[in-house]
Amino acid sequence: MTPVLHAHPFSSYCQKVLIALYENGTPFTFHLLDHGDPRTLAEFEARWPIKRFPILVDGGRTIMEASIIIEYLGLRYPGPVRLIPEDPAQAIDVRMMDRFFDNYVSTPQQKVVLDALRPEGQRDPQGVAEARRLLETSYAWLERHLADGRTWAAGAHFSLADCGAAPFLFYADWTQPIPPGCARVHAYRARLLARPSMRRAVDEARPYRHYFPLGAPDRD
């Protein structure tokens, strides 16, 4: 049996796992989480009542959280692309950058988007302003981080950190454009978008772009 991924193609965290799967050509079954399929949604909720996706079901085991799913895949279904280095010190760098993209790029980006989905009287302009400032600070920090000649987030090799950076920077630039002065961040985002695994994830998500409340640009 192949593992089953419960996910939606337009979700950045689902794309994070899909990129890892595509990088290694890992066989899996995809269960689309769609409101038009109540049976699949009920199965998902029964396995994970918090209802945050993706989850990976492998036999009788349910794995939650995108980073943990990718770690699990590396242990259970290793492939040619090692997304977490064997060297413990290098692995720390990868995990640190993974948390950076999760907490300081994806989290504020989603704050802005989710606020736009709220009714007018329930919005949080102060929180959105703070989220936008955090994105600006994160872009500036990443620009300095990439100044050391890194091709990928944690060095010369594509890793877990880049699996998250790809969709998170993709949507973040739609939400709070990366400043023109952050040339290294723009170049890094372009390298991520050129990766075949990310291109596949982007193309699979195209039919759902109308869901993006701020308006999806045509440039990507």
N, C-alpha and C. Protein backbone atom coordinates (compact mmCIF):
# COMPACT_ATOMS: atom_id res chain seq x y z
N MET A 1 0.84 -1.20 0.00
CA MET A 1 0.00 0.00 0.00
C MET A 1 0.88 1.26 0.00
N THR A 2 0.41 2.27 -0.69
CA THR A 2 1.13 3.54 -0.69
C THR A 2 0.53 4.45 0.37
N PRO A 3 1.32 5.40 0.89
CA PRO A 3 0.75 6.35 1.86
C PRO A 3 -0.30 7.23 1.20
N VAL A 4 -1.22 7.72 2.01
CA VAL A 4 -2.33 8.55 1.51
C VAL A 4 -2.16 9.96 2.07
N LEU A 5 -2.12 10.94 1.17
CA LEU A 5 -2.02 12.34 1.57
C LEU A 5 -3.39 12.98 1.47
N HIS A 6 -3.89 13.49 2.59
CA HIS A 6 -5.15 14.24 2.63
C HIS A 6 -4.77 15.72 2.53
N ALA A 7 -5.15 16.36 1.43
CA ALA A 7 -4.62 17.70 1.19
C ALA A 7 -5.47 18.44 0.17
N HIS A 8 -5.09 19.71 -0.05
CA HIS A 8 -5.69 20.50 -1.13
C HIS A 8 -4.54 21.16 -1.90
N PRO A 9 -4.60 21.16 -3.24
CA PRO A 9 -3.47 21.65 -4.04
C PRO A 9 -3.14 23.12 -3.84
N PHE A 10 -4.11 23.94 -3.39
CA PHE A 10 -3.87 25.38 -3.28
C PHE A 10 -3.24 25.76 -1.95
N SER A 11 -3.24 24.84 -1.00
CA SER A 11 -2.68 25.11 0.33
C SER A 11 -1.16 25.11 0.28
N SER A 12 -0.55 26.14 0.86
CA SER A 12 0.91 26.21 0.86
C SER A 12 1.53 25.06 1.66
N TYR A 13 0.90 24.69 2.78
CA TYR A 13 1.46 23.60 3.58
C TYR A 13 1.30 22.26 2.88
N CYS A 14 0.24 22.10 2.12
CA CYS A 14 0.09 20.88 1.32
C CYS A 14 1.12 20.85 0.20
N GLN A 15 1.35 22.01 -0.42
CA GLN A 15 2.38 22.09 -1.46
C GLN A 15 3.75 21.75 -0.89
N LYS A 16 4.00 22.15 0.32
CA LYS A 16 5.29 21.84 0.96
C LYS A 16 5.53 20.33 0.96
N VAL A 17 4.53 19.55 1.33
CA VAL A 17 4.66 18.09 1.34
C VAL A 17 4.69 17.54 -0.08
N LEU A 18 3.85 18.09 -0.96
CA LEU A 18 3.84 17.62 -2.34
C LEU A 18 5.20 17.79 -2.99
N ILE A 19 5.87 18.89 -2.73
CA ILE A 19 7.21 19.12 -3.29
C ILE A 19 8.16 18.02 -2.83
N ALA A 20 8.11 17.67 -1.54
CA ALA A 20 8.97 16.60 -1.03
C ALA A 20 8.67 15.27 -1.72
N LEU A 21 7.39 14.99 -1.91
CA LEU A 21 7.00 13.75 -2.59
C LEU A 21 7.48 13.75 -4.05
N TYR A 22 7.31 14.87 -4.73
CA TYR A 22 7.71 14.95 -6.13
C TYR A 22 9.22 14.91 -6.29
N GLU A 23 9.95 15.52 -5.35
CA GLU A 23 11.41 15.51 -5.43
C GLU A 23 11.95 14.08 -5.50
N ASN A 24 11.33 13.18 -4.74
CA ASN A 24 11.83 11.81 -4.66
C ASN A 24 11.00 10.81 -5.45
N GLY A 25 10.00 11.31 -6.17
CA GLY A 25 9.16 10.40 -6.94
C GLY A 25 8.49 9.35 -6.07
N THR A 26 8.11 9.74 -4.86
CA THR A 26 7.51 8.80 -3.91
C THR A 26 6.08 8.48 -4.32
N PRO A 27 5.72 7.22 -4.50
CA PRO A 27 4.33 6.88 -4.82
C PRO A 27 3.41 7.21 -3.64
N PHE A 28 2.26 7.79 -3.93
CA PHE A 28 1.29 8.09 -2.88
C PHE A 28 -0.08 8.22 -3.51
N THR A 29 -1.09 8.14 -2.66
CA THR A 29 -2.48 8.35 -3.08
C THR A 29 -2.93 9.70 -2.56
N PHE A 30 -3.58 10.47 -3.42
CA PHE A 30 -4.01 11.81 -3.04
C PHE A 30 -5.51 11.82 -2.77
N HIS A 31 -5.88 12.25 -1.56
CA HIS A 31 -7.29 12.43 -1.23
C HIS A 31 -7.56 13.94 -1.16
N LEU A 32 -8.28 14.43 -2.17
CA LEU A 32 -8.59 15.86 -2.24
C LEU A 32 -9.61 16.24 -1.18
N LEU A 33 -9.26 17.21 -0.36
CA LEU A 33 -10.17 17.71 0.66
C LEU A 33 -11.03 18.80 0.03
N ASP A 34 -12.26 18.44 -0.28
CA ASP A 34 -13.15 19.33 -1.01
C ASP A 34 -14.54 19.24 -0.39
N HIS A 35 -15.20 20.40 -0.27
CA HIS A 35 -16.53 20.41 0.35
C HIS A 35 -17.57 19.64 -0.48
N GLY A 36 -17.25 19.37 -1.72
CA GLY A 36 -18.15 18.57 -2.54
C GLY A 36 -18.03 17.08 -2.29
N ASP A 37 -17.12 16.69 -1.42
CA ASP A 37 -16.92 15.27 -1.12
C ASP A 37 -16.98 15.08 0.40
N PRO A 38 -18.19 15.05 0.96
CA PRO A 38 -18.33 14.98 2.43
C PRO A 38 -17.73 13.72 3.03
N ARG A 39 -17.69 12.63 2.29
CA ARG A 39 -17.14 11.39 2.85
C ARG A 39 -15.64 11.52 3.12
N THR A 40 -14.91 12.12 2.17
CA THR A 40 -13.48 12.33 2.37
C THR A 40 -13.24 13.30 3.51
N LEU A 41 -14.05 14.35 3.59
CA LEU A 41 -13.90 15.31 4.68
C LEU A 41 -14.19 14.66 6.03
N ALA A 42 -15.18 13.80 6.08
CA ALA A 42 -15.51 13.12 7.34
C ALA A 42 -14.38 12.19 7.77
N GLU A 43 -13.78 11.50 6.83
CA GLU A 43 -12.65 10.63 7.16
C GLU A 43 -11.49 11.45 7.70
N PHE A 44 -11.23 12.59 7.05
CA PHE A 44 -10.15 13.48 7.48
C PHE A 44 -10.40 13.99 8.90
N GLU A 45 -11.62 14.45 9.17
CA GLU A 45 -11.95 14.99 10.49
C GLU A 45 -11.88 13.90 11.56
N ALA A 46 -12.27 12.68 11.21
CA ALA A 46 -12.20 11.59 12.18
C ALA A 46 -10.75 11.30 12.56
N ARG A 47 -9.86 11.45 11.61
CA ARG A 47 -8.45 11.18 11.89
C ARG A 47 -7.77 12.37 12.57
N TRP A 48 -8.25 13.59 12.31
CA TRP A 48 -7.58 14.77 12.85
C TRP A 48 -8.63 15.85 13.11
N PRO A 49 -9.27 15.82 14.29
CA PRO A 49 -10.39 16.73 14.57
C PRO A 49 -10.01 18.21 14.51
N ILE A 50 -8.73 18.53 14.64
CA ILE A 50 -8.32 19.93 14.52
C ILE A 50 -8.49 20.43 13.10
N LYS A 51 -8.51 19.51 12.14
CA LYS A 51 -8.83 19.80 10.74
C LYS A 51 -7.85 20.76 10.07
N ARG A 52 -6.59 20.66 10.43
CA ARG A 52 -5.55 21.40 9.71
C ARG A 52 -4.84 20.43 8.78
N PHE A 53 -4.77 20.78 7.51
CA PHE A 53 -4.15 19.86 6.58
C PHE A 53 -2.77 20.38 6.15
N PRO A 54 -1.93 19.46 5.65
CA PRO A 54 -2.22 18.07 5.26
C PRO A 54 -2.02 17.10 6.42
N ILE A 55 -2.51 15.87 6.21
CA ILE A 55 -2.11 14.74 7.03
C ILE A 55 -1.70 13.62 6.09
N LEU A 56 -0.83 12.75 6.58
CA LEU A 56 -0.40 11.58 5.82
C LEU A 56 -0.84 10.35 6.59
N VAL A 57 -1.52 9.44 5.90
CA VAL A 57 -1.96 8.18 6.51
C VAL A 57 -1.14 7.07 5.89
N ASP A 58 -0.45 6.34 6.74
CA ASP A 58 0.40 5.25 6.26
C ASP A 58 0.07 4.00 7.08
N GLY A 59 -0.69 3.11 6.46
CA GLY A 59 -1.19 1.96 7.21
C GLY A 59 -2.14 2.45 8.29
N GLY A 60 -1.88 2.09 9.52
CA GLY A 60 -2.73 2.53 10.61
C GLY A 60 -2.23 3.78 11.30
N ARG A 61 -1.23 4.42 10.73
CA ARG A 61 -0.61 5.57 11.39
C ARG A 61 -0.98 6.87 10.69
N THR A 62 -1.31 7.89 11.46
CA THR A 62 -1.62 9.21 10.93
C THR A 62 -0.54 10.19 11.36
N ILE A 63 0.07 10.87 10.39
CA ILE A 63 1.13 11.83 10.66
C ILE A 63 0.60 13.22 10.35
N MET A 64 0.74 14.13 11.32
CA MET A 64 0.30 15.51 11.15
C MET A 64 1.50 16.45 11.03
N GLU A 65 1.25 17.63 10.50
CA GLU A 65 2.21 18.72 10.36
C GLU A 65 3.18 18.46 9.21
N ALA A 66 3.26 19.43 8.30
CA ALA A 66 4.01 19.26 7.05
C ALA A 66 5.47 18.90 7.28
N SER A 67 6.14 19.59 8.19
CA SER A 67 7.57 19.30 8.42
C SER A 67 7.76 17.88 8.95
N ILE A 68 6.88 17.46 9.84
CA ILE A 68 6.98 16.11 10.40
C ILE A 68 6.67 15.07 9.34
N ILE A 69 5.72 15.36 8.47
CA ILE A 69 5.41 14.43 7.38
C ILE A 69 6.65 14.24 6.49
N ILE A 70 7.34 15.33 6.19
CA ILE A 70 8.53 15.23 5.35
C ILE A 70 9.64 14.45 6.06
N GLU A 71 9.79 14.66 7.35
CA GLU A 71 10.77 13.87 8.11
C GLU A 71 10.39 12.40 8.07
N TYR A 72 9.12 12.11 8.25
CA TYR A 72 8.64 10.73 8.23
C TYR A 72 8.90 10.08 6.88
N LEU A 73 8.61 10.81 5.81
CA LEU A 73 8.85 10.27 4.47
C LEU A 73 10.32 9.93 4.27
N GLY A 74 11.21 10.77 4.81
CA GLY A 74 12.63 10.51 4.68
C GLY A 74 13.06 9.25 5.40
N LEU A 75 12.39 8.92 6.49
CA LEU A 75 12.70 7.71 7.23
C LEU A 75 12.05 6.47 6.63
N ARG A 76 10.79 6.62 6.24
CA ARG A 76 10.00 5.47 5.81
C ARG A 76 10.11 5.21 4.30
N TYR A 77 10.25 6.30 3.53
CA TYR A 77 10.30 6.20 2.07
C TYR A 77 11.45 7.04 1.52
N PRO A 78 12.69 6.71 1.89
CA PRO A 78 13.82 7.51 1.42
C PRO A 78 13.98 7.45 -0.09
N GLY A 79 14.44 8.56 -0.66
CA GLY A 79 14.64 8.64 -2.10
C GLY A 79 15.99 9.26 -2.41
N PRO A 80 16.23 9.60 -3.66
CA PRO A 80 17.54 10.13 -4.06
C PRO A 80 17.85 11.51 -3.50
N VAL A 81 16.83 12.31 -3.17
CA VAL A 81 17.04 13.65 -2.63
C VAL A 81 16.87 13.59 -1.12
N ARG A 82 17.97 13.73 -0.40
CA ARG A 82 17.91 13.69 1.06
C ARG A 82 17.58 15.09 1.57
N LEU A 83 16.40 15.25 2.10
CA LEU A 83 15.91 16.58 2.47
C LEU A 83 16.34 17.03 3.85
N ILE A 84 16.82 16.10 4.67
CA ILE A 84 17.40 16.44 5.98
C ILE A 84 18.76 15.77 6.04
N PRO A 85 19.83 16.55 6.17
CA PRO A 85 21.17 15.97 6.13
C PRO A 85 21.43 14.97 7.25
N GLU A 86 22.32 14.03 6.98
CA GLU A 86 22.74 13.09 8.02
C GLU A 86 23.55 13.79 9.10
N ASP A 87 24.36 14.74 8.70
CA ASP A 87 25.21 15.46 9.65
C ASP A 87 24.33 16.28 10.60
N PRO A 88 24.44 16.04 11.92
CA PRO A 88 23.54 16.72 12.87
C PRO A 88 23.62 18.24 12.82
N ALA A 89 24.83 18.78 12.65
CA ALA A 89 24.97 20.24 12.62
C ALA A 89 24.30 20.81 11.38
N GLN A 90 24.46 20.16 10.24
CA GLN A 90 23.78 20.62 9.03
C GLN A 90 22.27 20.46 9.15
N ALA A 91 21.85 19.40 9.80
CA ALA A 91 20.41 19.18 10.00
C ALA A 91 19.80 20.29 10.85
N ILE A 92 20.56 20.79 11.84
CA ILE A 92 20.09 21.90 12.67
C ILE A 92 19.86 23.13 11.80
N ASP A 93 20.79 23.42 10.88
CA ASP A 93 20.64 24.57 10.00
C ASP A 93 19.37 24.44 9.14
N VAL A 94 19.13 23.24 8.63
CA VAL A 94 17.94 23.01 7.81
C VAL A 94 16.67 23.21 8.62
N ARG A 95 16.64 22.63 9.81
CA ARG A 95 15.43 22.76 10.65
C ARG A 95 15.23 24.21 11.09
N MET A 96 16.32 24.92 11.37
CA MET A 96 16.20 26.33 11.76
C MET A 96 15.58 27.15 10.63
N MET A 97 16.05 26.94 9.40
CA MET A 97 15.49 27.67 8.28
C MET A 97 14.05 27.23 7.99
N ASP A 98 13.76 25.97 8.22
CA ASP A 98 12.38 25.50 8.08
C ASP A 98 11.46 26.26 9.02
N ARG A 99 11.89 26.44 10.27
CA ARG A 99 11.07 27.18 11.23
C ARG A 99 10.98 28.65 10.84
N PHE A 100 12.08 29.20 10.29
CA PHE A 100 12.03 30.60 9.85
C PHE A 100 10.92 30.80 8.82
N PHE A 101 10.88 29.97 7.81
CA PHE A 101 9.87 30.14 6.76
C PHE A 101 8.46 29.87 7.28
N ASP A 102 8.33 28.89 8.18
CA ASP A 102 7.00 28.62 8.75
C ASP A 102 6.51 29.80 9.59
N ASN A 103 7.36 30.25 10.51
CA ASN A 103 6.91 31.20 11.54
C ASN A 103 6.96 32.66 11.09
N TYR A 104 7.91 33.01 10.23
CA TYR A 104 8.14 34.43 9.93
C TYR A 104 7.85 34.81 8.49
N VAL A 105 7.48 33.83 7.66
CA VAL A 105 7.00 34.12 6.32
C VAL A 105 5.56 33.63 6.17
N SER A 106 5.34 32.34 6.41
CA SER A 106 4.00 31.80 6.21
C SER A 106 2.99 32.35 7.22
N THR A 107 3.35 32.39 8.49
CA THR A 107 2.38 32.83 9.51
C THR A 107 1.90 34.26 9.28
N PRO A 108 2.78 35.25 9.08
CA PRO A 108 2.25 36.59 8.81
C PRO A 108 1.52 36.69 7.48
N GLN A 109 1.98 35.93 6.47
CA GLN A 109 1.28 35.95 5.18
C GLN A 109 -0.15 35.45 5.35
N GLN A 110 -0.32 34.38 6.09
CA GLN A 110 -1.66 33.84 6.29
C GLN A 110 -2.52 34.76 7.15
N LYS A 111 -1.89 35.49 8.06
CA LYS A 111 -2.64 36.47 8.86
C LYS A 111 -3.32 37.49 7.94
N VAL A 112 -2.59 38.00 6.98
CA VAL A 112 -3.13 39.01 6.06
C VAL A 112 -4.26 38.40 5.22
N VAL A 113 -4.04 37.20 4.70
CA VAL A 113 -5.04 36.56 3.83
C VAL A 113 -6.30 36.21 4.61
N LEU A 114 -6.13 35.61 5.78
CA LEU A 114 -7.30 35.22 6.56
C LEU A 114 -8.10 36.43 7.02
N ASP A 115 -7.40 37.53 7.30
CA ASP A 115 -8.12 38.74 7.69
C ASP A 115 -8.97 39.26 6.54
N ALA A 116 -8.47 39.11 5.31
CA ALA A 116 -9.23 39.57 4.15
C ALA A 116 -10.49 38.75 3.93
N LEU A 117 -10.53 37.55 4.48
CA LEU A 117 -11.70 36.68 4.34
C LEU A 117 -12.78 36.98 5.39
N ARG A 118 -12.42 37.78 6.38
CA ARG A 118 -13.39 38.10 7.44
C ARG A 118 -14.39 39.14 6.96
N PRO A 119 -15.58 39.17 7.57
CA PRO A 119 -16.52 40.26 7.30
C PRO A 119 -15.89 41.60 7.67
N GLU A 120 -16.30 42.64 7.01
CA GLU A 120 -15.69 43.96 7.16
C GLU A 120 -15.57 44.39 8.63
N GLY A 121 -16.60 44.19 9.42
CA GLY A 121 -16.57 44.66 10.80
C GLY A 121 -15.76 43.81 11.75
N GLN A 122 -15.24 42.70 11.29
CA GLN A 122 -14.50 41.79 12.17
C GLN A 122 -13.00 41.74 11.83
N ARG A 123 -12.55 42.66 11.03
CA ARG A 123 -11.15 42.64 10.60
C ARG A 123 -10.24 43.27 11.65
N ASP A 124 -8.95 43.00 11.50
CA ASP A 124 -7.94 43.39 12.49
C ASP A 124 -6.85 44.20 11.78
N PRO A 125 -7.09 45.47 11.51
CA PRO A 125 -6.11 46.26 10.76
C PRO A 125 -4.76 46.38 11.45
N GLN A 126 -4.76 46.46 12.79
CA GLN A 126 -3.49 46.55 13.50
C GLN A 126 -2.69 45.25 13.34
N GLY A 127 -3.38 44.11 13.47
CA GLY A 127 -2.71 42.82 13.31
C GLY A 127 -2.16 42.64 11.90
N VAL A 128 -2.92 43.10 10.90
CA VAL A 128 -2.47 43.00 9.52
C VAL A 128 -1.25 43.89 9.29
N ALA A 129 -1.26 45.09 9.85
CA ALA A 129 -0.10 45.98 9.70
C ALA A 129 1.14 45.36 10.34
N GLU A 130 0.96 44.74 11.50
CA GLU A 130 2.09 44.07 12.16
C GLU A 130 2.59 42.89 11.33
N ALA A 131 1.67 42.15 10.73
CA ALA A 131 2.05 41.01 9.90
C ALA A 131 2.83 41.48 8.67
N ARG A 132 2.41 42.57 8.07
CA ARG A 132 3.12 43.10 6.90
C ARG A 132 4.51 43.58 7.29
N ARG A 133 4.63 44.20 8.45
CA ARG A 133 5.96 44.64 8.91
C ARG A 133 6.87 43.44 9.16
N LEU A 134 6.30 42.38 9.73
CA LEU A 134 7.10 41.18 9.98
C LEU A 134 7.59 40.58 8.66
N LEU A 135 6.74 40.57 7.64
CA LEU A 135 7.18 40.08 6.34
C LEU A 135 8.33 40.94 5.80
N GLU A 136 8.22 42.24 5.93
CA GLU A 136 9.29 43.12 5.46
C GLU A 136 10.59 42.82 6.21
N THR A 137 10.49 42.62 7.51
CA THR A 137 11.68 42.30 8.31
C THR A 137 12.26 40.95 7.89
N SER A 138 11.39 39.99 7.63
CA SER A 138 11.84 38.66 7.21
C SER A 138 12.53 38.72 5.86
N TYR A 139 11.99 39.49 4.92
CA TYR A 139 12.64 39.64 3.62
C TYR A 139 14.05 40.22 3.78
N ALA A 140 14.16 41.24 4.63
CA ALA A 140 15.46 41.88 4.82
C ALA A 140 16.46 40.92 5.45
N TRP A 141 16.00 40.15 6.43
CA TRP A 141 16.89 39.17 7.07
C TRP A 141 17.32 38.11 6.08
N LEU A 142 16.38 37.61 5.28
CA LEU A 142 16.70 36.58 4.30
C LEU A 142 17.67 37.11 3.25
N GLU A 143 17.52 38.36 2.86
CA GLU A 143 18.45 38.96 1.91
C GLU A 143 19.89 38.91 2.45
N ARG A 144 20.05 39.22 3.74
CA ARG A 144 21.39 39.15 4.35
C ARG A 144 21.86 37.71 4.47
N HIS A 145 20.96 36.82 4.82
CA HIS A 145 21.30 35.40 4.97
C HIS A 145 21.80 34.83 3.65
N LEU A 146 21.19 35.20 2.55
CA LEU A 146 21.59 34.68 1.24
C LEU A 146 22.86 35.33 0.71
N ALA A 147 23.35 36.35 1.39
CA ALA A 147 24.56 37.04 0.93
C ALA A 147 25.80 36.18 1.03
N ASP A 148 25.73 35.08 1.77
CA ASP A 148 26.88 34.19 1.92
C ASP A 148 27.05 33.26 0.72
N GLY A 149 26.33 33.50 -0.35
CA GLY A 149 26.48 32.69 -1.56
C GLY A 149 25.69 31.41 -1.54
N ARG A 150 24.69 31.32 -0.65
CA ARG A 150 23.88 30.11 -0.59
C ARG A 150 23.00 29.99 -1.83
N THR A 151 22.98 28.82 -2.43
CA THR A 151 22.04 28.55 -3.52
C THR A 151 20.66 28.28 -2.96
N TRP A 152 20.63 27.50 -1.87
CA TRP A 152 19.38 27.13 -1.21
C TRP A 152 19.39 27.65 0.21
N ALA A 153 18.32 27.49 0.92
CA ALA A 153 18.15 28.16 2.22
C ALA A 153 19.23 27.80 3.22
N ALA A 154 19.65 26.54 3.23
CA ALA A 154 20.63 26.10 4.23
C ALA A 154 21.98 25.73 3.61
N GLY A 155 22.22 26.17 2.38
CA GLY A 155 23.51 25.88 1.77
C GLY A 155 23.41 25.48 0.32
N ALA A 156 24.22 24.51 -0.06
CA ALA A 156 24.34 24.13 -1.46
C ALA A 156 23.29 23.12 -1.91
N HIS A 157 22.59 22.50 -0.96
CA HIS A 157 21.69 21.41 -1.30
C HIS A 157 20.23 21.76 -0.98
N PHE A 158 19.33 21.41 -1.89
CA PHE A 158 17.90 21.56 -1.68
C PHE A 158 17.48 20.69 -0.50
N SER A 159 16.64 21.26 0.39
CA SER A 159 16.33 20.57 1.65
C SER A 159 14.89 20.81 2.08
N LEU A 160 14.56 20.26 3.23
CA LEU A 160 13.27 20.49 3.88
C LEU A 160 12.93 21.98 3.92
N ALA A 161 13.93 22.82 4.24
CA ALA A 161 13.68 24.26 4.34
C ALA A 161 13.18 24.84 3.03
N ASP A 162 13.71 24.35 1.91
CA ASP A 162 13.30 24.87 0.61
C ASP A 162 11.93 24.35 0.20
N CYS A 163 11.56 23.16 0.70
CA CYS A 163 10.21 22.66 0.43
C CYS A 163 9.16 23.62 0.97
N GLY A 164 9.45 24.24 2.12
CA GLY A 164 8.53 25.22 2.68
C GLY A 164 8.72 26.60 2.08
N ALA A 165 9.96 26.97 1.83
CA ALA A 165 10.23 28.30 1.28
C ALA A 165 9.54 28.50 -0.05
N ALA A 166 9.47 27.44 -0.86
CA ALA A 166 8.92 27.58 -2.21
C ALA A 166 7.47 28.09 -2.19
N PRO A 167 6.54 27.39 -1.56
CA PRO A 167 5.17 27.92 -1.55
C PRO A 167 4.99 29.15 -0.66
N PHE A 168 5.76 29.23 0.43
CA PHE A 168 5.56 30.36 1.35
C PHE A 168 5.99 31.68 0.71
N LEU A 169 7.16 31.69 0.05
CA LEU A 169 7.59 32.91 -0.64
C LEU A 169 6.72 33.18 -1.86
N PHE A 170 6.24 32.12 -2.49
CA PHE A 170 5.34 32.26 -3.64
C PHE A 170 4.13 33.09 -3.26
N TYR A 171 3.44 32.70 -2.19
CA TYR A 171 2.24 33.42 -1.77
C TYR A 171 2.56 34.72 -1.04
N ALA A 172 3.68 34.74 -0.32
CA ALA A 172 4.03 35.96 0.42
C ALA A 172 4.25 37.12 -0.53
N ASP A 173 4.87 36.87 -1.68
CA ASP A 173 5.11 37.94 -2.64
C ASP A 173 3.81 38.43 -3.26
N TRP A 174 2.79 37.58 -3.31
CA TRP A 174 1.47 38.02 -3.74
C TRP A 174 0.83 38.93 -2.69
N THR A 175 1.16 38.68 -1.43
CA THR A 175 0.50 39.33 -0.30
C THR A 175 1.18 40.63 0.08
N GLN A 176 2.49 40.58 0.23
CA GLN A 176 3.32 41.74 0.55
C GLN A 176 4.54 41.64 -0.36
N PRO A 177 4.52 42.33 -1.50
CA PRO A 177 5.57 42.14 -2.49
C PRO A 177 6.98 42.29 -1.91
N ILE A 178 7.84 41.38 -2.33
CA ILE A 178 9.24 41.44 -1.94
C ILE A 178 9.83 42.74 -2.50
N PRO A 179 10.48 43.56 -1.68
CA PRO A 179 10.99 44.85 -2.18
C PRO A 179 12.00 44.67 -3.30
N PRO A 180 12.05 45.60 -4.24
CA PRO A 180 13.03 45.52 -5.34
C PRO A 180 14.47 45.41 -4.85
N GLY A 181 14.76 46.01 -3.70
CA GLY A 181 16.12 45.97 -3.17
C GLY A 181 16.56 44.61 -2.67
N CYS A 182 15.62 43.70 -2.49
CA CYS A 182 15.97 42.35 -2.02
C CYS A 182 16.22 41.45 -3.24
N ALA A 183 17.28 41.75 -3.96
CA ALA A 183 17.56 41.06 -5.23
C ALA A 183 17.84 39.58 -5.00
N ARG A 184 18.53 39.26 -3.91
CA ARG A 184 18.85 37.85 -3.65
C ARG A 184 17.58 37.05 -3.33
N VAL A 185 16.65 37.66 -2.62
CA VAL A 185 15.39 36.98 -2.30
C VAL A 185 14.59 36.75 -3.57
N HIS A 186 14.55 37.74 -4.44
CA HIS A 186 13.86 37.56 -5.73
C HIS A 186 14.50 36.43 -6.53
N ALA A 187 15.83 36.38 -6.55
CA ALA A 187 16.52 35.34 -7.31
C ALA A 187 16.29 33.97 -6.70
N TYR A 188 16.26 33.91 -5.37
CA TYR A 188 16.00 32.64 -4.68
C TYR A 188 14.59 32.16 -4.98
N ARG A 189 13.62 33.07 -4.91
CA ARG A 189 12.23 32.70 -5.24
C ARG A 189 12.15 32.18 -6.68
N ALA A 190 12.88 32.82 -7.59
CA ALA A 190 12.88 32.37 -8.99
C ALA A 190 13.48 30.97 -9.12
N ARG A 191 14.56 30.69 -8.36
CA ARG A 191 15.15 29.35 -8.40
C ARG A 191 14.17 28.31 -7.88
N LEU A 192 13.46 28.66 -6.83
CA LEU A 192 12.46 27.74 -6.29
C LEU A 192 11.36 27.47 -7.31
N LEU A 193 10.89 28.52 -7.98
CA LEU A 193 9.82 28.37 -8.96
C LEU A 193 10.28 27.57 -10.18
N ALA A 194 11.57 27.59 -10.45
CA ALA A 194 12.09 26.83 -11.59
C ALA A 194 12.28 25.36 -11.27
N ARG A 195 12.23 25.00 -10.01
CA ARG A 195 12.40 23.61 -9.61
C ARG A 195 11.21 22.80 -10.15
N PRO A 196 11.44 21.68 -10.84
CA PRO A 196 10.31 20.92 -11.41
C PRO A 196 9.23 20.54 -10.40
N SER A 197 9.64 20.20 -9.18
CA SER A 197 8.65 19.82 -8.16
C SER A 197 7.74 20.99 -7.82
N MET A 198 8.29 22.19 -7.75
CA MET A 198 7.48 23.37 -7.44
C MET A 198 6.63 23.77 -8.64
N ARG A 199 7.19 23.66 -9.85
CA ARG A 199 6.40 23.98 -11.03
C ARG A 199 5.17 23.09 -11.10
N ARG A 200 5.35 21.82 -10.77
CA ARG A 200 4.22 20.90 -10.79
C ARG A 200 3.17 21.31 -9.76
N ALA A 201 3.63 21.66 -8.55
CA ALA A 201 2.69 22.08 -7.50
C ALA A 201 1.94 23.35 -7.91
N VAL A 202 2.66 24.29 -8.51
CA VAL A 202 2.03 25.54 -8.96
C VAL A 202 0.98 25.26 -10.02
N ASP A 203 1.32 24.42 -10.99
CA ASP A 203 0.38 24.13 -12.08
C ASP A 203 -0.86 23.40 -11.58
N GLU A 204 -0.66 22.49 -10.62
CA GLU A 204 -1.82 21.76 -10.07
C GLU A 204 -2.76 22.68 -9.29
N ALA A 205 -2.21 23.79 -8.79
CA ALA A 205 -3.02 24.71 -7.99
C ALA A 205 -3.69 25.80 -8.83
N ARG A 206 -3.33 25.92 -10.10
CA ARG A 206 -3.86 27.01 -10.92
C ARG A 206 -5.39 27.08 -10.96
N PRO A 207 -6.09 25.95 -11.04
CA PRO A 207 -7.55 26.05 -11.12
C PRO A 207 -8.21 26.67 -9.89
N TYR A 208 -7.45 26.82 -8.81
CA TYR A 208 -8.04 27.31 -7.55
C TYR A 208 -7.62 28.74 -7.24
N ARG A 209 -6.99 29.44 -8.16
CA ARG A 209 -6.46 30.77 -7.86
C ARG A 209 -7.55 31.78 -7.52
N HIS A 210 -8.76 31.51 -7.95
CA HIS A 210 -9.85 32.45 -7.62
C HIS A 210 -10.15 32.45 -6.13
N TYR A 211 -9.62 31.47 -5.39
CA TYR A 211 -9.81 31.46 -3.94
C TYR A 211 -8.99 32.54 -3.24
N PHE A 212 -7.95 33.04 -3.88
CA PHE A 212 -7.04 33.97 -3.20
C PHE A 212 -7.72 35.32 -3.05
N PRO A 213 -8.01 35.74 -1.81
CA PRO A 213 -8.88 36.92 -1.63
C PRO A 213 -8.26 38.24 -2.02
N LEU A 214 -6.93 38.30 -2.12
CA LEU A 214 -6.26 39.56 -2.46
C LEU A 214 -6.07 39.72 -3.97
N GLY A 215 -6.45 38.68 -4.72
CA GLY A 215 -6.27 38.73 -6.17
C GLY A 215 -4.95 38.10 -6.57
N ALA A 216 -5.00 37.00 -7.29
CA ALA A 216 -3.78 36.31 -7.72
C ALA A 216 -3.22 36.98 -8.97
N PRO A 217 -1.94 37.38 -8.95
CA PRO A 217 -1.35 38.01 -10.13
C PRO A 217 -1.11 37.01 -11.25
N ASP A 218 -1.02 37.50 -12.48
CA ASP A 218 -0.80 36.63 -13.63
C ASP A 218 0.68 36.35 -13.86
N ARG A 219 1.57 36.99 -13.11
CA ARG A 219 3.00 36.90 -13.42
C ARG A 219 3.61 35.55 -13.05
N ASP A 220 2.97 34.79 -12.16
CA ASP A 220 3.55 33.49 -11.75
C ASP A 220 2.77 32.35 -12.38
